[in-house]
């Protein structure tokens, strides 16, 4: 089973997507808007996505920022964090 590989892949996707959204996850944790458990939940949600390959391609061409694709399972959470709201 590739559980570790899957988690690492999706943790990287969440990290890259947060950067593309202009959201610094570490800073949001320091601000008290995000907990380590929240981040873990985001990664687990990402693992349920049917489009990780599409996401990787999207990120490759949007590293400088863009609204997250509509299929992103963390779309609303990124928007909340960007707006300074607790997830």
PDB file of N, CA and C in Angstrom:
ATOM      1  N   UNK A   1       0.842  -1.186   0.000  1.00  0.00           N
ATOM      2  CA  UNK A   1       0.000   0.000   0.000  1.00  0.00           C
ATOM      3  C   UNK A   1       0.886   1.247   0.000  1.00  0.00           C
ATOM      4  N   UNK A   2       0.488   2.238  -0.738  1.00  0.00           N
ATOM      5  CA  UNK A   2       1.281   3.449  -0.892  1.00  0.00           C
ATOM      6  C   UNK A   2       0.766   4.601  -0.040  1.00  0.00           C
ATOM      7  N   UNK A   3       0.361   4.328   1.176  1.00  0.00           N
ATOM      8  CA  UNK A   3      -0.223   5.357   2.026  1.00  0.00           C
ATOM      9  C   UNK A   3       0.739   6.503   2.261  1.00  0.00           C
ATOM     10  N   UNK A   4       1.980   6.215   2.607  1.00  0.00           N
ATOM     11  CA  UNK A   4       2.962   7.265   2.865  1.00  0.00           C
ATOM     12  C   UNK A   4       3.202   8.090   1.616  1.00  0.00           C
ATOM     13  N   UNK A   5       3.358   7.442   0.488  1.00  0.00           N
ATOM     14  CA  UNK A   5       3.566   8.142  -0.778  1.00  0.00           C
ATOM     15  C   UNK A   5       2.370   9.035  -1.104  1.00  0.00           C
ATOM     16  N   UNK A   6       1.170   8.509  -0.905  1.00  0.00           N
ATOM     17  CA  UNK A   6      -0.043   9.281  -1.173  1.00  0.00           C
ATOM     18  C   UNK A   6      -0.121  10.507  -0.274  1.00  0.00           C
ATOM     19  N   UNK A   7       0.123  10.333   1.016  1.00  0.00           N
ATOM     20  CA  UNK A   7       0.078  11.460   1.947  1.00  0.00           C
ATOM     21  C   UNK A   7       1.119  12.510   1.600  1.00  0.00           C
ATOM     22  N   UNK A   8       2.316  12.076   1.260  1.00  0.00           N
ATOM     23  CA  UNK A   8       3.363  13.029   0.888  1.00  0.00           C
ATOM     24  C   UNK A   8       2.988  13.790  -0.379  1.00  0.00           C
ATOM     25  N   UNK A   9       2.431  13.081  -1.344  1.00  0.00           N
ATOM     26  CA  UNK A   9       2.021  13.728  -2.603  1.00  0.00           C
ATOM     27  C   UNK A   9       0.979  14.803  -2.329  1.00  0.00           C
ATOM     28  N   UNK A  10      -0.016  14.464  -1.538  1.00  0.00           N
ATOM     29  CA  UNK A  10      -1.106  15.411  -1.290  1.00  0.00           C
ATOM     30  C   UNK A  10      -0.702  16.514  -0.321  1.00  0.00           C
ATOM     31  N   UNK A  11       0.197  16.226   0.596  1.00  0.00           N
ATOM     32  CA  UNK A  11       0.727  17.295   1.462  1.00  0.00           C
ATOM     33  C   UNK A  11       1.457  18.316   0.602  1.00  0.00           C
ATOM     34  N   UNK A  12       2.205  17.844  -0.383  1.00  0.00           N
ATOM     35  CA  UNK A  12       2.912  18.752  -1.291  1.00  0.00           C
ATOM     36  C   UNK A  12       1.915  19.544  -2.137  1.00  0.00           C
ATOM     37  N   UNK A  13       0.835  18.898  -2.581  1.00  0.00           N
ATOM     38  CA  UNK A  13      -0.176  19.604  -3.368  1.00  0.00           C
ATOM     39  C   UNK A  13      -0.850  20.699  -2.532  1.00  0.00           C
ATOM     40  N   UNK A  14      -1.172  20.396  -1.287  1.00  0.00           N
ATOM     41  CA  UNK A  14      -1.782  21.404  -0.405  1.00  0.00           C
ATOM     42  C   UNK A  14      -0.810  22.564  -0.201  1.00  0.00           C
ATOM     43  N   UNK A  15       0.442  22.251   0.022  1.00  0.00           N
ATOM     44  CA  UNK A  15       1.446  23.298   0.226  1.00  0.00           C
ATOM     45  C   UNK A  15       1.591  24.168  -1.022  1.00  0.00           C
ATOM     46  N   UNK A  16       1.700  23.534  -2.171  1.00  0.00           N
ATOM     47  CA  UNK A  16       1.847  24.287  -3.426  1.00  0.00           C
ATOM     48  C   UNK A  16       0.593  25.098  -3.745  1.00  0.00           C
ATOM     49  N   UNK A  17      -0.588  24.515  -3.486  1.00  0.00           N
ATOM     50  CA  UNK A  17      -1.826  25.229  -3.760  1.00  0.00           C
ATOM     51  C   UNK A  17      -1.955  26.424  -2.817  1.00  0.00           C
ATOM     52  N   UNK A  18      -1.569  26.261  -1.571  1.00  0.00           N
ATOM     53  CA  UNK A  18      -1.645  27.396  -0.640  1.00  0.00           C
ATOM     54  C   UNK A  18      -0.731  28.522  -1.115  1.00  0.00           C
ATOM     55  N   UNK A  19       0.444  28.178  -1.598  1.00  0.00           N
ATOM     56  CA  UNK A  19       1.351  29.205  -2.128  1.00  0.00           C
ATOM     57  C   UNK A  19       0.748  29.899  -3.332  1.00  0.00           C
ATOM     58  N   UNK A  20       0.121  29.119  -4.221  1.00  0.00           N
ATOM     59  CA  UNK A  20      -0.511  29.706  -5.411  1.00  0.00           C
ATOM     60  C   UNK A  20      -1.673  30.621  -5.016  1.00  0.00           C
ATOM     61  N   UNK A  21      -2.270  30.359  -3.853  1.00  0.00           N
ATOM     62  CA  UNK A  21      -3.372  31.186  -3.367  1.00  0.00           C
ATOM     63  C   UNK A  21      -2.883  32.391  -2.565  1.00  0.00           C
ATOM     64  N   UNK A  22      -1.571  32.450  -2.331  1.00  0.00           N
ATOM     65  CA  UNK A  22      -1.026  33.538  -1.523  1.00  0.00           C
ATOM     66  C   UNK A  22      -1.263  33.335  -0.040  1.00  0.00           C
ATOM     67  N   UNK A  23      -1.393  32.085   0.361  1.00  0.00           N
ATOM     68  CA  UNK A  23      -1.648  31.741   1.756  1.00  0.00           C
ATOM     69  C   UNK A  23      -0.410  31.061   2.332  1.00  0.00           C
ATOM     70  N   UNK A  24       0.166  31.683   3.345  1.00  0.00           N
ATOM     71  CA  UNK A  24       1.318  31.127   4.047  1.00  0.00           C
ATOM     72  C   UNK A  24       0.787  30.307   5.220  1.00  0.00           C
ATOM     73  N   UNK A  25       0.786  28.997   5.085  1.00  0.00           N
ATOM     74  CA  UNK A  25       0.195  28.126   6.099  1.00  0.00           C
ATOM     75  C   UNK A  25       0.888  28.275   7.457  1.00  0.00           C
ATOM     76  N   UNK A  26       2.191  28.410   7.456  1.00  0.00           N
ATOM     77  CA  UNK A  26       2.918  28.585   8.712  1.00  0.00           C
ATOM     78  C   UNK A  26       2.487  29.878   9.397  1.00  0.00           C
ATOM     79  N   UNK A  27       2.361  30.952   8.635  1.00  0.00           N
ATOM     80  CA  UNK A  27       1.928  32.227   9.192  1.00  0.00           C
ATOM     81  C   UNK A  27       0.504  32.122   9.744  1.00  0.00           C
ATOM     82  N   UNK A  28      -0.363  31.427   9.022  1.00  0.00           N
ATOM     83  CA  UNK A  28      -1.744  31.267   9.478  1.00  0.00           C
ATOM     84  C   UNK A  28      -1.802  30.482  10.784  1.00  0.00           C
ATOM     85  N   UNK A  29      -0.881  29.529  10.961  1.00  0.00           N
ATOM     86  CA  UNK A  29      -0.811  28.811  12.232  1.00  0.00           C
ATOM     87  C   UNK A  29      -0.370  29.753  13.352  1.00  0.00           C
ATOM     88  N   UNK A  30       0.624  30.580  13.076  1.00  0.00           N
ATOM     89  CA  UNK A  30       1.093  31.525  14.090  1.00  0.00           C
ATOM     90  C   UNK A  30       0.003  32.533  14.451  1.00  0.00           C
ATOM     91  N   UNK A  31      -0.861  32.853  13.501  1.00  0.00           N
ATOM     92  CA  UNK A  31      -1.963  33.780  13.747  1.00  0.00           C
ATOM     93  C   UNK A  31      -3.137  33.108  14.456  1.00  0.00           C
ATOM     94  N   UNK A  32      -3.068  31.795  14.613  1.00  0.00           N
ATOM     95  CA  UNK A  32      -4.141  31.060  15.277  1.00  0.00           C
ATOM     96  C   UNK A  32      -5.336  30.770  14.393  1.00  0.00           C
ATOM     97  N   UNK A  33      -5.173  30.917  13.089  1.00  0.00           N
ATOM     98  CA  UNK A  33      -6.263  30.668  12.159  1.00  0.00           C
ATOM     99  C   UNK A  33      -6.285  29.228  11.652  1.00  0.00           C
ATOM    100  N   UNK A  34      -5.215  28.505  11.907  1.00  0.00           N
ATOM    101  CA  UNK A  34      -5.056  27.147  11.406  1.00  0.00           C
ATOM    102  C   UNK A  34      -4.279  26.357  12.445  1.00  0.00           C
ATOM    103  N   UNK A  35      -4.715  25.139  12.728  1.00  0.00           N
ATOM    104  CA  UNK A  35      -4.003  24.265  13.655  1.00  0.00           C
ATOM    105  C   UNK A  35      -3.344  23.135  12.855  1.00  0.00           C
ATOM    106  N   UNK A  36      -2.393  22.446  13.464  1.00  0.00           N
ATOM    107  CA  UNK A  36      -1.828  21.275  12.778  1.00  0.00           C
ATOM    108  C   UNK A  36      -2.908  20.248  12.410  1.00  0.00           C
ATOM    109  N   UNK A  37      -3.904  20.082  13.278  1.00  0.00           N
ATOM    110  CA  UNK A  37      -4.998  19.157  12.945  1.00  0.00           C
ATOM    111  C   UNK A  37      -5.781  19.632  11.731  1.00  0.00           C
ATOM    112  N   UNK A  38      -6.006  20.957  11.646  1.00  0.00           N
ATOM    113  CA  UNK A  38      -6.695  21.515  10.475  1.00  0.00           C
ATOM    114  C   UNK A  38      -5.913  21.208   9.203  1.00  0.00           C
ATOM    115  N   UNK A  39      -4.611  21.385   9.271  1.00  0.00           N
ATOM    116  CA  UNK A  39      -3.761  21.118   8.113  1.00  0.00           C
ATOM    117  C   UNK A  39      -3.830  19.638   7.735  1.00  0.00           C
ATOM    118  N   UNK A  40      -3.796  18.784   8.734  1.00  0.00           N
ATOM    119  CA  UNK A  40      -3.925  17.351   8.470  1.00  0.00           C
ATOM    120  C   UNK A  40      -5.247  17.018   7.799  1.00  0.00           C
ATOM    121  N   UNK A  41      -6.302  17.677   8.235  1.00  0.00           N
ATOM    122  CA  UNK A  41      -7.618  17.479   7.628  1.00  0.00           C
ATOM    123  C   UNK A  41      -7.614  17.937   6.174  1.00  0.00           C
ATOM    124  N   UNK A  42      -6.935  19.041   5.904  1.00  0.00           N
ATOM    125  CA  UNK A  42      -6.835  19.522   4.527  1.00  0.00           C
ATOM    126  C   UNK A  42      -6.118  18.501   3.647  1.00  0.00           C
ATOM    127  N   UNK A  43      -5.033  17.937   4.157  1.00  0.00           N
ATOM    128  CA  UNK A  43      -4.283  16.937   3.386  1.00  0.00           C
ATOM    129  C   UNK A  43      -5.150  15.700   3.159  1.00  0.00           C
ATOM    130  N   UNK A  44      -5.828  15.236   4.207  1.00  0.00           N
ATOM    131  CA  UNK A  44      -6.686  14.061   4.043  1.00  0.00           C
ATOM    132  C   UNK A  44      -7.813  14.327   3.061  1.00  0.00           C
ATOM    133  N   UNK A  45      -8.378  15.525   3.099  1.00  0.00           N
ATOM    134  CA  UNK A  45      -9.410  15.885   2.127  1.00  0.00           C
ATOM    135  C   UNK A  45      -8.852  15.831   0.714  1.00  0.00           C
ATOM    136  N   UNK A  46      -7.651  16.333   0.555  1.00  0.00           N
ATOM    137  CA  UNK A  46      -6.985  16.326  -0.749  1.00  0.00           C
ATOM    138  C   UNK A  46      -6.786  14.895  -1.255  1.00  0.00           C
ATOM    139  N   UNK A  47      -6.511  13.960  -0.360  1.00  0.00           N
ATOM    140  CA  UNK A  47      -6.300  12.579  -0.800  1.00  0.00           C
ATOM    141  C   UNK A  47      -7.556  11.980  -1.418  1.00  0.00           C
ATOM    142  N   UNK A  48      -8.715  12.550  -1.111  1.00  0.00           N
ATOM    143  CA  UNK A  48      -9.959  12.062  -1.684  1.00  0.00           C
ATOM    144  C   UNK A  48     -10.280  12.664  -3.038  1.00  0.00           C
ATOM    145  N   UNK A  49      -9.416  13.532  -3.522  1.00  0.00           N
ATOM    146  CA  UNK A  49      -9.642  14.192  -4.807  1.00  0.00           C
ATOM    147  C   UNK A  49      -9.413  13.215  -5.965  1.00  0.00           C
ATOM    148  N   UNK A  50     -10.266  13.333  -6.953  1.00  0.00           N
ATOM    149  CA  UNK A  50     -10.146  12.487  -8.147  1.00  0.00           C
ATOM    150  C   UNK A  50      -9.240  13.119  -9.206  1.00  0.00           C
ATOM    151  N   UNK A  51      -8.659  14.299  -8.906  1.00  0.00           N
ATOM    152  CA  UNK A  51      -7.914  15.043  -9.919  1.00  0.00           C
ATOM    153  C   UNK A  51      -6.489  15.417  -9.520  1.00  0.00           C
ATOM    154  N   UNK A  52      -5.740  14.596  -8.781  1.00  0.00           N
ATOM    155  CA  UNK A  52      -4.405  15.041  -8.374  1.00  0.00           C
ATOM    156  C   UNK A  52      -3.461  15.299  -9.545  1.00  0.00           C
ATOM    157  N   UNK A  53      -3.582  14.530 -10.603  1.00  0.00           N
ATOM    158  CA  UNK A  53      -2.750  14.772 -11.779  1.00  0.00           C
ATOM    159  C   UNK A  53      -3.089  16.092 -12.440  1.00  0.00           C
ATOM    160  N   UNK A  54      -4.386  16.381 -12.553  1.00  0.00           N
ATOM    161  CA  UNK A  54      -4.820  17.664 -13.105  1.00  0.00           C
ATOM    162  C   UNK A  54      -4.315  18.802 -12.231  1.00  0.00           C
ATOM    163  N   UNK A  55      -4.365  18.602 -10.933  1.00  0.00           N
ATOM    164  CA  UNK A  55      -3.907  19.625  -9.989  1.00  0.00           C
ATOM    165  C   UNK A  55      -2.413  19.890 -10.185  1.00  0.00           C
ATOM    166  N   UNK A  56      -1.636  18.836 -10.326  1.00  0.00           N
ATOM    167  CA  UNK A  56      -0.194  19.010 -10.546  1.00  0.00           C
ATOM    168  C   UNK A  56       0.068  19.815 -11.815  1.00  0.00           C
ATOM    169  N   UNK A  57      -0.667  19.522 -12.878  1.00  0.00           N
ATOM    170  CA  UNK A  57      -0.510  20.271 -14.128  1.00  0.00           C
ATOM    171  C   UNK A  57      -0.959  21.724 -13.955  1.00  0.00           C
ATOM    172  N   UNK A  58      -2.083  21.928 -13.253  1.00  0.00           N
ATOM    173  CA  UNK A  58      -2.579  23.278 -13.003  1.00  0.00           C
ATOM    174  C   UNK A  58      -1.540  24.076 -12.220  1.00  0.00           C
ATOM    175  N   UNK A  59      -0.998  23.469 -11.175  1.00  0.00           N
ATOM    176  CA  UNK A  59      -0.004  24.161 -10.348  1.00  0.00           C
ATOM    177  C   UNK A  59       1.260  24.501 -11.139  1.00  0.00           C
ATOM    178  N   UNK A  60       1.640  23.643 -12.055  1.00  0.00           N
ATOM    179  CA  UNK A  60       2.840  23.891 -12.849  1.00  0.00           C
ATOM    180  C   UNK A  60       2.716  25.170 -13.676  1.00  0.00           C
ATOM    181  N   UNK A  61       1.497  25.539 -14.033  1.00  0.00           N
ATOM    182  CA  UNK A  61       1.319  26.745 -14.835  1.00  0.00           C
ATOM    183  C   UNK A  61       0.706  27.916 -14.055  1.00  0.00           C
ATOM    184  N   UNK A  62       0.494  27.729 -12.746  1.00  0.00           N
ATOM    185  CA  UNK A  62      -0.099  28.790 -11.931  1.00  0.00           C
ATOM    186  C   UNK A  62       0.664  29.028 -10.625  1.00  0.00           C
ATOM    187  N   UNK A  63       1.940  28.735 -10.607  1.00  0.00           N
ATOM    188  CA  UNK A  63       2.733  28.905  -9.386  1.00  0.00           C
ATOM    189  C   UNK A  63       2.745  30.352  -8.906  1.00  0.00           C
ATOM    190  N   UNK A  64       2.554  31.303  -9.836  1.00  0.00           N
ATOM    191  CA  UNK A  64       2.597  32.718  -9.477  1.00  0.00           C
ATOM    192  C   UNK A  64       1.277  33.227  -8.932  1.00  0.00           C
ATOM    193  N   UNK A  65       0.281  32.377  -8.859  1.00  0.00           N
ATOM    194  CA  UNK A  65      -0.982  32.753  -8.263  1.00  0.00           C
ATOM    195  C   UNK A  65      -2.146  32.753  -9.226  1.00  0.00           C
ATOM    196  N   UNK A  66      -3.249  32.262  -8.736  1.00  0.00           N
ATOM    197  CA  UNK A  66      -4.515  32.233  -9.467  1.00  0.00           C
ATOM    198  C   UNK A  66      -5.543  31.632  -8.526  1.00  0.00           C
ATOM    199  N   UNK A  67      -6.801  31.868  -8.808  1.00  0.00           N
ATOM    200  CA  UNK A  67      -7.856  31.247  -8.010  1.00  0.00           C
ATOM    201  C   UNK A  67      -7.759  29.736  -8.167  1.00  0.00           C
ATOM    202  N   UNK A  68      -7.952  29.031  -7.081  1.00  0.00           N
ATOM    203  CA  UNK A  68      -7.875  27.568  -7.111  1.00  0.00           C
ATOM    204  C   UNK A  68      -8.928  27.014  -8.062  1.00  0.00           C
ATOM    205  N   UNK A  69      -8.619  25.906  -8.718  1.00  0.00           N
ATOM    206  CA  UNK A  69      -9.602  25.308  -9.621  1.00  0.00           C
ATOM    207  C   UNK A  69     -10.837  24.852  -8.841  1.00  0.00           C
ATOM    208  N   UNK A  70     -11.961  24.865  -9.509  1.00  0.00           N
ATOM    209  CA  UNK A  70     -13.224  24.542  -8.860  1.00  0.00           C
ATOM    210  C   UNK A  70     -13.286  23.154  -8.245  1.00  0.00           C
ATOM    211  N   UNK A  71     -12.485  22.224  -8.725  1.00  0.00           N
ATOM    212  CA  UNK A  71     -12.510  20.875  -8.169  1.00  0.00           C
ATOM    213  C   UNK A  71     -11.690  20.730  -6.897  1.00  0.00           C
ATOM    214  N   UNK A  72     -10.980  21.785  -6.485  1.00  0.00           N
ATOM    215  CA  UNK A  72     -10.137  21.706  -5.280  1.00  0.00           C
ATOM    216  C   UNK A  72     -11.017  21.494  -4.048  1.00  0.00           C
ATOM    217  N   UNK A  73     -10.744  20.436  -3.327  1.00  0.00           N
ATOM    218  CA  UNK A  73     -11.539  20.098  -2.142  1.00  0.00           C
ATOM    219  C   UNK A  73     -11.278  21.057  -0.983  1.00  0.00           C
ATOM    220  N   UNK A  74     -10.251  21.875  -1.080  1.00  0.00           N
ATOM    221  CA  UNK A  74      -9.929  22.847  -0.030  1.00  0.00           C
ATOM    222  C   UNK A  74     -10.163  24.286  -0.483  1.00  0.00           C
ATOM    223  N   UNK A  75     -10.863  24.448  -1.562  1.00  0.00           N
ATOM    224  CA  UNK A  75     -11.111  25.765  -2.144  1.00  0.00           C
ATOM    225  C   UNK A  75     -11.647  26.755  -1.110  1.00  0.00           C
ATOM    226  N   UNK A  76     -12.682  26.377  -0.393  1.00  0.00           N
ATOM    227  CA  UNK A  76     -13.287  27.283   0.592  1.00  0.00           C
ATOM    228  C   UNK A  76     -12.340  27.565   1.759  1.00  0.00           C
ATOM    229  N   UNK A  77     -11.579  26.565   2.171  1.00  0.00           N
ATOM    230  CA  UNK A  77     -10.640  26.769   3.277  1.00  0.00           C
ATOM    231  C   UNK A  77      -9.532  27.738   2.883  1.00  0.00           C
ATOM    232  N   UNK A  78      -9.029  27.619   1.671  1.00  0.00           N
ATOM    233  CA  UNK A  78      -8.018  28.570   1.205  1.00  0.00           C
ATOM    234  C   UNK A  78      -8.597  29.981   1.172  1.00  0.00           C
ATOM    235  N   UNK A  79      -9.821  30.116   0.706  1.00  0.00           N
ATOM    236  CA  UNK A  79     -10.473  31.437   0.661  1.00  0.00           C
ATOM    237  C   UNK A  79     -10.634  32.004   2.063  1.00  0.00           C
ATOM    238  N   UNK A  80     -11.055  31.163   3.011  1.00  0.00           N
ATOM    239  CA  UNK A  80     -11.206  31.621   4.397  1.00  0.00           C
ATOM    240  C   UNK A  80      -9.869  32.084   4.966  1.00  0.00           C
ATOM    241  N   UNK A  81      -8.841  31.292   4.779  1.00  0.00           N
ATOM    242  CA  UNK A  81      -7.513  31.656   5.299  1.00  0.00           C
ATOM    243  C   UNK A  81      -7.012  32.938   4.660  1.00  0.00           C
ATOM    244  N   UNK A  82      -7.195  33.060   3.365  1.00  0.00           N
ATOM    245  CA  UNK A  82      -6.745  34.263   2.666  1.00  0.00           C
ATOM    246  C   UNK A  82      -7.460  35.509   3.185  1.00  0.00           C
ATOM    247  N   UNK A  83      -8.729  35.350   3.563  1.00  0.00           N
ATOM    248  CA  UNK A  83      -9.520  36.456   4.080  1.00  0.00           C
ATOM    249  C   UNK A  83      -9.297  36.689   5.580  1.00  0.00           C
ATOM    250  N   UNK A  84      -8.437  35.867   6.193  1.00  0.00           N
ATOM    251  CA  UNK A  84      -8.146  36.041   7.613  1.00  0.00           C
ATOM    252  C   UNK A  84      -9.162  35.405   8.541  1.00  0.00           C
ATOM    253  N   UNK A  85      -9.932  34.457   8.007  1.00  0.00           N
ATOM    254  CA  UNK A  85     -10.924  33.754   8.832  1.00  0.00           C
ATOM    255  C   UNK A  85     -10.367  32.414   9.276  1.00  0.00           C
ATOM    256  N   UNK A  86     -10.735  32.024  10.465  1.00  0.00           N
ATOM    257  CA  UNK A  86     -10.331  30.726  11.026  1.00  0.00           C
ATOM    258  C   UNK A  86     -11.060  29.615  10.294  1.00  0.00           C
ATOM    259  N   UNK A  87     -10.343  28.521  10.005  1.00  0.00           N
ATOM    260  CA  UNK A  87     -10.972  27.390   9.308  1.00  0.00           C
ATOM    261  C   UNK A  87     -11.611  26.436  10.303  1.00  0.00           C
TER     262      UNK A  87
END
